[in-house]
Amino acid sequence: MALFYVTGRSLLPVWVSASVYGLASSFVVFFKWGVLTNFFISLFIFVYFVLLWSKRVIGEGISGSHNAFMVDCFKFGFALFIFREVIFFFGVF
C-alpha cells in the first residue's frame, strides 16, 4: 500500500494554466484597446476549469481515495497558504 494517493493523468492543470494565460493577455488587450469582453470570457473559462478541478478533488476525497497522510498534506498545504498570505499582508503594510 502506498503512503499517498496519486491521481491519474489529467488535462485540468493544463487547461487552468492556459486560462490564466488568457486572463493575463485579456488584461493587456483591455489596457491597450479598452475591450473588456475578452476578460469576462477568460474569467468564465478560468472559473469553470477551477470548479471542475475542485469537483474532482472533492469527489476523490468523498470516495475515500485520500488516506490520512494525504489529508494531513492538504491541511499542511492550506496552513502554509494562510501563513504566506499573512506574511505578504505584513510585508505590504
N, C-alpha and C. Protein backbone atom coordinates (compact mmCIF):
# COMPACT_ATOMS: atom_id res chain seq x y z
N MET A 1 0.84 -1.18 0.00
CA MET A 1 0.00 0.00 0.00
C MET A 1 0.88 1.24 0.00
N ALA A 2 0.53 2.19 -0.83
CA ALA A 2 1.30 3.43 -0.94
C ALA A 2 0.98 4.35 0.23
N LEU A 3 1.94 5.21 0.54
CA LEU A 3 1.73 6.18 1.62
C LEU A 3 0.85 7.33 1.21
N PHE A 4 0.68 7.53 -0.08
CA PHE A 4 -0.12 8.65 -0.54
C PHE A 4 -0.86 8.24 -1.80
N TYR A 5 -1.77 9.06 -2.19
CA TYR A 5 -2.60 8.77 -3.37
C TYR A 5 -2.22 9.73 -4.48
N VAL A 6 -1.92 9.18 -5.62
CA VAL A 6 -1.59 9.99 -6.78
C VAL A 6 -2.68 9.78 -7.82
N THR A 7 -3.29 10.86 -8.25
CA THR A 7 -4.36 10.74 -9.23
C THR A 7 -3.80 10.38 -10.59
N GLY A 8 -4.66 9.95 -11.45
CA GLY A 8 -4.25 9.65 -12.81
C GLY A 8 -3.97 10.91 -13.59
N ARG A 9 -3.57 10.75 -14.81
CA ARG A 9 -3.26 11.90 -15.64
C ARG A 9 -4.53 12.70 -15.92
N SER A 10 -4.36 14.01 -15.89
CA SER A 10 -5.48 14.90 -16.11
C SER A 10 -5.00 16.12 -16.89
N LEU A 11 -5.84 16.61 -17.76
CA LEU A 11 -5.52 17.83 -18.50
C LEU A 11 -6.02 19.09 -17.81
N LEU A 12 -6.67 18.94 -16.67
CA LEU A 12 -7.21 20.11 -15.99
C LEU A 12 -6.13 21.12 -15.58
N PRO A 13 -4.96 20.71 -15.06
CA PRO A 13 -3.93 21.72 -14.77
C PRO A 13 -3.47 22.47 -16.01
N VAL A 14 -3.42 21.80 -17.14
CA VAL A 14 -3.02 22.46 -18.39
C VAL A 14 -4.08 23.47 -18.80
N TRP A 15 -5.34 23.09 -18.69
CA TRP A 15 -6.41 24.00 -19.07
C TRP A 15 -6.50 25.20 -18.12
N VAL A 16 -6.26 24.96 -16.83
CA VAL A 16 -6.28 26.08 -15.89
C VAL A 16 -5.14 27.05 -16.19
N SER A 17 -3.95 26.52 -16.46
CA SER A 17 -2.82 27.41 -16.76
C SER A 17 -3.05 28.16 -18.08
N ALA A 18 -3.66 27.50 -19.06
CA ALA A 18 -3.97 28.18 -20.32
C ALA A 18 -5.01 29.28 -20.10
N SER A 19 -5.98 29.02 -19.23
CA SER A 19 -6.99 30.05 -18.97
C SER A 19 -6.39 31.22 -18.17
N VAL A 20 -5.42 30.95 -17.31
CA VAL A 20 -4.74 32.04 -16.61
C VAL A 20 -3.95 32.88 -17.61
N TYR A 21 -3.33 32.23 -18.58
CA TYR A 21 -2.63 32.97 -19.63
C TYR A 21 -3.61 33.84 -20.43
N GLY A 22 -4.77 33.27 -20.75
CA GLY A 22 -5.79 34.04 -21.45
C GLY A 22 -6.29 35.21 -20.63
N LEU A 23 -6.40 35.00 -19.32
CA LEU A 23 -6.84 36.07 -18.44
C LEU A 23 -5.81 37.20 -18.41
N ALA A 24 -4.53 36.83 -18.33
CA ALA A 24 -3.48 37.85 -18.31
C ALA A 24 -3.40 38.60 -19.64
N SER A 25 -3.53 37.87 -20.74
CA SER A 25 -3.47 38.54 -22.04
C SER A 25 -4.70 39.41 -22.28
N SER A 26 -5.84 39.04 -21.69
CA SER A 26 -7.02 39.89 -21.84
C SER A 26 -6.85 41.20 -21.08
N PHE A 27 -6.07 41.20 -19.98
CA PHE A 27 -5.74 42.44 -19.31
C PHE A 27 -4.95 43.36 -20.23
N VAL A 28 -4.00 42.78 -20.95
CA VAL A 28 -3.20 43.57 -21.88
C VAL A 28 -4.08 44.17 -22.97
N VAL A 29 -4.98 43.36 -23.50
CA VAL A 29 -5.90 43.85 -24.54
C VAL A 29 -6.80 44.95 -23.97
N PHE A 30 -7.24 44.78 -22.75
CA PHE A 30 -8.09 45.82 -22.14
C PHE A 30 -7.33 47.13 -21.97
N PHE A 31 -6.09 47.05 -21.47
CA PHE A 31 -5.33 48.28 -21.25
C PHE A 31 -4.91 48.93 -22.56
N LYS A 32 -4.72 48.14 -23.59
CA LYS A 32 -4.28 48.71 -24.88
C LYS A 32 -5.45 49.28 -25.68
N TRP A 33 -6.53 48.47 -25.82
CA TRP A 33 -7.64 48.87 -26.68
C TRP A 33 -8.96 49.10 -25.95
N GLY A 34 -9.04 48.77 -24.70
CA GLY A 34 -10.25 49.02 -23.93
C GLY A 34 -11.36 47.99 -24.15
N VAL A 35 -11.03 46.83 -24.69
CA VAL A 35 -12.03 45.78 -24.93
C VAL A 35 -12.11 44.90 -23.68
N LEU A 36 -13.29 44.85 -23.08
CA LEU A 36 -13.46 44.13 -21.82
C LEU A 36 -14.11 42.76 -21.99
N THR A 37 -14.66 42.47 -23.15
CA THR A 37 -15.35 41.19 -23.35
C THR A 37 -14.39 40.01 -23.22
N ASN A 38 -13.18 40.15 -23.71
CA ASN A 38 -12.21 39.05 -23.59
C ASN A 38 -11.92 38.71 -22.14
N PHE A 39 -11.90 39.72 -21.29
CA PHE A 39 -11.65 39.49 -19.87
C PHE A 39 -12.76 38.64 -19.26
N PHE A 40 -14.00 38.97 -19.54
CA PHE A 40 -15.11 38.21 -18.95
C PHE A 40 -15.18 36.79 -19.50
N ILE A 41 -14.88 36.61 -20.76
CA ILE A 41 -14.84 35.26 -21.33
C ILE A 41 -13.72 34.44 -20.69
N SER A 42 -12.54 35.04 -20.55
CA SER A 42 -11.41 34.35 -19.92
C SER A 42 -11.69 34.05 -18.46
N LEU A 43 -12.32 34.98 -17.77
CA LEU A 43 -12.66 34.75 -16.37
C LEU A 43 -13.66 33.62 -16.22
N PHE A 44 -14.66 33.57 -17.10
CA PHE A 44 -15.64 32.48 -17.06
C PHE A 44 -14.97 31.14 -17.30
N ILE A 45 -14.08 31.06 -18.28
CA ILE A 45 -13.37 29.81 -18.59
C ILE A 45 -12.49 29.39 -17.42
N PHE A 46 -11.80 30.35 -16.80
CA PHE A 46 -10.95 30.05 -15.65
C PHE A 46 -11.76 29.49 -14.49
N VAL A 47 -12.86 30.15 -14.15
CA VAL A 47 -13.70 29.70 -13.04
C VAL A 47 -14.29 28.32 -13.34
N TYR A 48 -14.67 28.09 -14.59
CA TYR A 48 -15.23 26.80 -14.98
C TYR A 48 -14.24 25.67 -14.75
N PHE A 49 -12.99 25.84 -15.21
CA PHE A 49 -11.99 24.79 -15.06
C PHE A 49 -11.56 24.61 -13.61
N VAL A 50 -11.50 25.68 -12.84
CA VAL A 50 -11.16 25.55 -11.43
C VAL A 50 -12.26 24.80 -10.68
N LEU A 51 -13.51 25.07 -11.03
CA LEU A 51 -14.60 24.34 -10.38
C LEU A 51 -14.60 22.86 -10.78
N LEU A 52 -14.28 22.57 -12.04
CA LEU A 52 -14.17 21.16 -12.44
C LEU A 52 -13.06 20.44 -11.67
N TRP A 53 -11.93 21.10 -11.54
CA TRP A 53 -10.81 20.51 -10.82
C TRP A 53 -11.16 20.32 -9.35
N SER A 54 -11.81 21.31 -8.74
CA SER A 54 -12.22 21.20 -7.34
C SER A 54 -13.23 20.08 -7.15
N LYS A 55 -14.15 19.95 -8.10
CA LYS A 55 -15.14 18.88 -8.03
C LYS A 55 -14.46 17.52 -8.05
N ARG A 56 -13.44 17.39 -8.87
CA ARG A 56 -12.73 16.12 -8.95
C ARG A 56 -11.99 15.80 -7.65
N VAL A 57 -11.33 16.79 -7.08
CA VAL A 57 -10.59 16.58 -5.83
C VAL A 57 -11.56 16.25 -4.69
N ILE A 58 -12.67 16.97 -4.62
CA ILE A 58 -13.65 16.70 -3.56
C ILE A 58 -14.26 15.32 -3.75
N GLY A 59 -14.55 14.95 -5.00
CA GLY A 59 -15.08 13.62 -5.26
C GLY A 59 -14.12 12.51 -4.86
N GLU A 60 -12.82 12.73 -5.09
CA GLU A 60 -11.83 11.75 -4.67
C GLU A 60 -11.78 11.64 -3.15
N GLY A 61 -11.94 12.76 -2.48
CA GLY A 61 -11.92 12.73 -1.02
C GLY A 61 -13.14 12.04 -0.45
N ILE A 62 -14.30 12.29 -1.04
CA ILE A 62 -15.53 11.67 -0.54
C ILE A 62 -15.53 10.17 -0.80
N SER A 63 -14.96 9.76 -1.93
CA SER A 63 -14.95 8.33 -2.26
C SER A 63 -13.94 7.55 -1.45
N GLY A 64 -13.11 8.24 -0.67
CA GLY A 64 -12.16 7.54 0.19
C GLY A 64 -10.81 7.31 -0.46
N SER A 65 -10.53 8.00 -1.54
CA SER A 65 -9.25 7.82 -2.22
C SER A 65 -8.09 8.45 -1.46
N HIS A 66 -8.38 9.41 -0.59
CA HIS A 66 -7.33 10.07 0.17
C HIS A 66 -7.22 9.42 1.55
N ASN A 67 -6.02 8.95 1.87
CA ASN A 67 -5.83 8.37 3.19
C ASN A 67 -5.45 9.47 4.18
N ALA A 68 -5.13 9.09 5.40
CA ALA A 68 -4.85 10.07 6.45
C ALA A 68 -3.62 10.90 6.12
N PHE A 69 -2.62 10.31 5.48
CA PHE A 69 -1.42 11.06 5.11
C PHE A 69 -1.75 12.17 4.13
N MET A 70 -2.59 11.88 3.14
CA MET A 70 -2.97 12.90 2.16
C MET A 70 -3.80 14.00 2.79
N VAL A 71 -4.68 13.65 3.70
CA VAL A 71 -5.49 14.66 4.38
C VAL A 71 -4.58 15.59 5.18
N ASP A 72 -3.57 15.02 5.86
CA ASP A 72 -2.62 15.85 6.59
C ASP A 72 -1.84 16.75 5.65
N CYS A 73 -1.48 16.24 4.48
CA CYS A 73 -0.76 17.06 3.50
C CYS A 73 -1.62 18.21 3.00
N PHE A 74 -2.92 17.96 2.76
CA PHE A 74 -3.83 19.03 2.35
C PHE A 74 -3.93 20.10 3.45
N LYS A 75 -4.06 19.67 4.69
CA LYS A 75 -4.17 20.61 5.81
C LYS A 75 -2.89 21.43 5.95
N PHE A 76 -1.74 20.77 5.84
CA PHE A 76 -0.46 21.47 5.96
C PHE A 76 -0.28 22.46 4.81
N GLY A 77 -0.65 22.07 3.61
CA GLY A 77 -0.56 22.97 2.47
C GLY A 77 -1.45 24.18 2.63
N PHE A 78 -2.65 23.97 3.14
CA PHE A 78 -3.56 25.10 3.36
C PHE A 78 -3.03 26.01 4.46
N ALA A 79 -2.45 25.42 5.53
CA ALA A 79 -1.86 26.24 6.60
C ALA A 79 -0.69 27.06 6.06
N LEU A 80 0.13 26.48 5.18
CA LEU A 80 1.22 27.24 4.57
C LEU A 80 0.69 28.37 3.70
N PHE A 81 -0.40 28.13 3.00
CA PHE A 81 -1.01 29.18 2.19
C PHE A 81 -1.48 30.33 3.06
N ILE A 82 -2.16 30.05 4.15
CA ILE A 82 -2.64 31.09 5.05
C ILE A 82 -1.45 31.86 5.64
N PHE A 83 -0.41 31.13 6.07
CA PHE A 83 0.78 31.77 6.62
C PHE A 83 1.43 32.69 5.59
N ARG A 84 1.52 32.24 4.34
CA ARG A 84 2.11 33.06 3.29
C ARG A 84 1.31 34.33 3.07
N GLU A 85 -0.01 34.23 3.10
CA GLU A 85 -0.85 35.40 2.91
C GLU A 85 -0.70 36.39 4.06
N VAL A 86 -0.57 35.90 5.28
CA VAL A 86 -0.38 36.78 6.43
C VAL A 86 0.96 37.49 6.32
N ILE A 87 2.01 36.76 5.98
CA ILE A 87 3.34 37.35 5.83
C ILE A 87 3.32 38.37 4.69
N PHE A 88 2.64 38.08 3.60
CA PHE A 88 2.54 39.02 2.50
C PHE A 88 1.81 40.29 2.93
N PHE A 89 0.74 40.13 3.72
CA PHE A 89 0.00 41.29 4.21
C PHE A 89 0.88 42.19 5.07
N PHE A 90 1.64 41.58 6.00
CA PHE A 90 2.52 42.38 6.84
C PHE A 90 3.69 42.96 6.05
N GLY A 91 4.10 42.31 4.98
CA GLY A 91 5.17 42.84 4.15
C GLY A 91 4.73 44.05 3.35
N VAL A 92 3.48 44.05 2.92
CA VAL A 92 2.97 45.17 2.13
C VAL A 92 2.61 46.35 3.05
N PHE A 93 1.97 46.07 4.18
CA PHE A 93 1.53 47.14 5.07
C PHE A 93 2.43 47.20 6.27
